[in-house]
Amino acid sequence: MALDELKAALPEYAKDLKLNLGSVIGNSDLPEQQLWGTVLACAMATRSAAVLRELEPEAKANLKPEAYEAAKGAAAIMAMNNVYYRTLHLLSDKEYGSMRAGLRMNIIGNPGVDKADFELWCFAVSAINGCGQCLDSHEAVLRKAGVDREVIQASVKIAAVVQAVAAVLDAENVLA
């Protein structure tokens, strides 16, 4: 099982991450599509080969093909949008915010899965990529769609733990 492999690969100093990995993924209350779409999108967002190698097969096994593709699409579109919108937020010259982006984002309007699930995945990836403007936007859409705060919190916990596991494993790989 992928979670067991990741846990075994973590050093003793990251014991909390081992426990958190088991709780946020292994004992999640999220429906399978929300859970594994979030896991896959977050694994991609970490850019960690070790994490993606372990989590992708289980995500693929637990997602329908359209959800699998949509989760990857969420990671892809947010890789672009998080850079663009974070930059607009950070620039002192707010005039850039009134300019047309001119970037294709069609998948957001038609992701091929339940819109709330896709928004949840975009939200989690935005947490990893640190874009406050995107976090606010996706959280507002989720709340308007009736998604409970506990579900939104669960997705960001997955993002936090998957990102931390990636950071530790990648650092340990360099130190080895």
Protein backbone atom coordinates (compact mmCIF):
# COMPACT_ATOMS: atom_id res chain seq x y z
CA MET A 1 0.00 0.00 0.00
CA ALA A 2 1.29 3.44 -0.94
CA LEU A 3 0.71 5.00 2.46
CA ASP A 4 2.70 2.27 4.18
CA GLU A 5 5.58 2.78 1.74
CA LEU A 6 5.61 6.52 2.36
CA LYS A 7 5.44 6.06 6.12
CA ALA A 8 8.30 3.56 6.03
CA ALA A 9 10.42 5.96 3.99
CA LEU A 10 10.06 8.78 6.53
CA PRO A 11 12.85 9.15 9.12
CA GLU A 12 12.16 8.91 12.83
CA TYR A 13 12.28 12.70 13.31
CA ALA A 14 9.22 12.91 11.03
CA LYS A 15 7.13 10.52 13.14
CA ASP A 16 4.34 13.12 13.37
CA LEU A 17 4.12 13.12 9.58
CA LYS A 18 3.78 9.32 9.58
CA LEU A 19 0.87 9.57 11.97
CA ASN A 20 -0.71 12.48 10.12
CA LEU A 21 -0.40 10.72 6.77
CA GLY A 22 -2.37 7.81 8.20
CA SER A 23 -5.04 10.04 9.67
CA VAL A 24 -5.65 12.56 6.87
CA ILE A 25 -5.60 9.97 4.08
CA GLY A 26 -5.98 6.55 5.67
CA ASN A 27 -8.81 7.55 8.01
CA SER A 28 -10.42 10.34 6.01
CA ASP A 29 -14.16 10.93 6.11
CA LEU A 30 -14.11 12.44 2.62
CA PRO A 31 -15.85 10.51 -0.17
CA GLU A 32 -13.39 8.53 -2.32
CA GLN A 33 -13.46 10.95 -5.26
CA GLN A 34 -12.83 14.02 -3.09
CA LEU A 35 -10.12 12.22 -1.10
CA TRP A 36 -8.14 10.68 -3.92
CA GLY A 37 -8.57 13.63 -6.27
CA THR A 38 -7.16 15.86 -3.53
CA VAL A 39 -4.31 13.42 -2.87
CA LEU A 40 -3.39 13.19 -6.56
CA ALA A 41 -3.60 16.93 -7.24
CA CYS A 42 -1.52 17.64 -4.12
CA ALA A 43 1.05 14.97 -4.96
CA MET A 44 1.50 16.57 -8.37
CA ALA A 45 1.73 20.05 -6.82
CA THR A 46 4.58 18.96 -4.53
CA ARG A 47 6.72 18.18 -7.58
CA SER A 48 8.15 15.26 -5.58
CA ALA A 49 8.87 12.18 -7.66
CA ALA A 50 8.93 9.99 -4.52
CA VAL A 51 5.52 11.16 -3.33
CA LEU A 52 3.92 11.03 -6.75
CA ARG A 53 5.37 7.57 -7.43
CA GLU A 54 3.78 6.20 -4.25
CA LEU A 55 0.42 8.00 -4.27
CA GLU A 56 -0.49 8.09 -7.97
CA PRO A 57 -1.19 4.35 -8.43
CA GLU A 58 -3.57 4.27 -5.47
CA ALA A 59 -5.27 7.46 -6.62
CA LYS A 60 -5.68 6.01 -10.11
CA ALA A 61 -7.16 2.82 -8.65
CA ASN A 62 -9.67 4.79 -6.55
CA LEU A 63 -10.75 7.34 -9.17
CA LYS A 64 -12.84 6.98 -12.29
CA PRO A 65 -10.84 7.96 -15.39
CA GLU A 66 -12.59 11.35 -15.71
CA ALA A 67 -11.87 12.19 -12.05
CA TYR A 68 -8.25 11.07 -12.43
CA GLU A 69 -7.80 13.40 -15.41
CA ALA A 70 -9.66 16.25 -13.69
CA ALA A 71 -7.45 16.00 -10.59
CA LYS A 72 -4.36 16.21 -12.78
CA GLY A 73 -6.04 19.11 -14.60
CA ALA A 74 -6.58 20.91 -11.29
CA ALA A 75 -2.89 20.60 -10.48
CA ALA A 76 -1.96 21.83 -13.96
CA ILE A 77 -4.25 24.84 -14.12
CA MET A 78 -3.40 25.93 -10.57
CA ALA A 79 0.33 25.68 -11.30
CA MET A 80 -0.30 28.49 -13.77
CA ASN A 81 -3.02 30.42 -11.96
CA ASN A 82 -1.29 30.42 -8.58
CA VAL A 83 1.80 32.06 -10.07
CA TYR A 84 -0.24 34.59 -12.04
CA TYR A 85 -2.70 35.60 -9.30
CA ARG A 86 -0.14 35.50 -6.51
CA THR A 87 1.96 37.92 -8.58
CA LEU A 88 -0.99 40.27 -9.04
CA HIS A 89 -1.57 40.20 -5.29
CA LEU A 90 2.08 40.88 -4.47
CA LEU A 91 2.65 43.70 -6.96
CA SER A 92 2.41 47.20 -5.56
CA ASP A 93 0.94 48.45 -8.84
CA LYS A 94 -2.67 47.24 -8.56
CA GLU A 95 -3.38 48.31 -12.16
CA TYR A 96 -2.23 44.83 -13.27
CA GLY A 97 -5.25 43.38 -11.46
CA SER A 98 -7.62 45.26 -13.76
CA MET A 99 -5.94 43.94 -16.89
CA ARG A 100 -7.34 40.97 -18.80
CA ALA A 101 -5.40 37.81 -17.94
CA GLY A 102 -5.70 36.36 -21.43
CA LEU A 103 -4.81 32.88 -20.14
CA ARG A 104 -6.91 29.87 -21.06
CA MET A 105 -8.67 28.32 -18.07
CA ASN A 106 -11.47 26.37 -19.74
CA ILE A 107 -11.09 23.36 -17.47
CA ILE A 108 -12.35 25.39 -14.51
CA GLY A 109 -15.69 25.91 -16.23
CA ASN A 110 -15.95 22.34 -17.50
CA PRO A 111 -13.74 19.99 -15.46
CA GLY A 112 -15.59 16.79 -16.36
CA VAL A 113 -16.46 16.04 -12.71
CA ASP A 114 -18.61 17.60 -10.02
CA LYS A 115 -17.65 21.29 -9.91
CA ALA A 116 -17.32 21.28 -6.11
CA ASP A 117 -14.85 18.38 -6.21
CA PHE A 118 -12.73 20.19 -8.80
CA GLU A 119 -12.84 23.41 -6.77
CA LEU A 120 -11.74 21.45 -3.68
CA TRP A 121 -8.74 20.11 -5.55
CA CYS A 122 -7.88 23.59 -6.84
CA PHE A 123 -8.18 24.92 -3.29
CA ALA A 124 -5.77 22.28 -1.93
CA VAL A 125 -3.21 22.91 -4.69
CA SER A 126 -3.48 26.66 -4.04
CA ALA A 127 -2.61 26.00 -0.40
CA ILE A 128 0.57 24.20 -1.45
CA ASN A 129 1.44 26.93 -3.94
CA GLY A 130 0.69 29.70 -1.46
CA CYS A 131 -1.75 31.81 -3.43
CA GLY A 132 -4.06 33.65 -1.05
CA GLN A 133 -6.15 35.16 -3.82
CA CYS A 134 -6.85 31.71 -5.29
CA LEU A 135 -7.54 30.27 -1.84
CA ASP A 136 -10.13 32.98 -1.18
CA SER A 137 -11.71 32.53 -4.60
CA HIS A 138 -12.02 28.73 -4.43
CA GLU A 139 -13.15 28.76 -0.80
CA ALA A 140 -15.93 31.21 -1.68
CA VAL A 141 -17.11 29.00 -4.55
CA LEU A 142 -17.03 25.93 -2.29
CA ARG A 143 -18.98 27.62 0.49
CA LYS A 144 -21.54 28.95 -2.02
CA ALA A 145 -21.96 25.37 -3.28
CA GLY A 146 -22.76 24.27 0.27
CA VAL A 147 -19.47 22.54 1.04
CA ASP A 148 -18.89 22.41 4.79
CA ARG A 149 -15.86 24.06 6.33
CA GLU A 150 -14.81 20.65 7.70
CA VAL A 151 -14.50 19.30 4.15
CA ILE A 152 -12.48 22.33 3.08
CA GLN A 153 -10.29 21.95 6.16
CA ALA A 154 -9.78 18.25 5.38
CA SER A 155 -8.45 19.13 1.92
CA VAL A 156 -5.95 21.64 3.28
CA LYS A 157 -4.80 19.13 5.90
CA ILE A 158 -4.13 16.67 3.10
CA ALA A 159 -2.22 19.38 1.23
CA ALA A 160 -0.17 20.26 4.31
CA VAL A 161 0.77 16.69 5.13
CA VAL A 162 1.52 15.63 1.55
CA GLN A 163 3.67 18.74 1.07
CA ALA A 164 5.55 18.11 4.33
CA VAL A 165 6.17 14.45 3.44
CA ALA A 166 7.49 15.55 0.04
CA ALA A 167 9.81 18.12 1.64
CA VAL A 168 11.25 15.59 4.08
CA LEU A 169 11.71 12.80 1.53
CA ASP A 170 13.29 15.12 -1.02
CA ALA A 171 15.64 16.57 1.62
CA GLU A 172 16.60 13.12 2.85
CA ASN A 173 17.30 12.07 -0.73
CA VAL A 174 19.74 14.97 -1.09
CA LEU A 175 21.36 14.25 2.29
CA ALA A 176 21.80 10.53 1.60
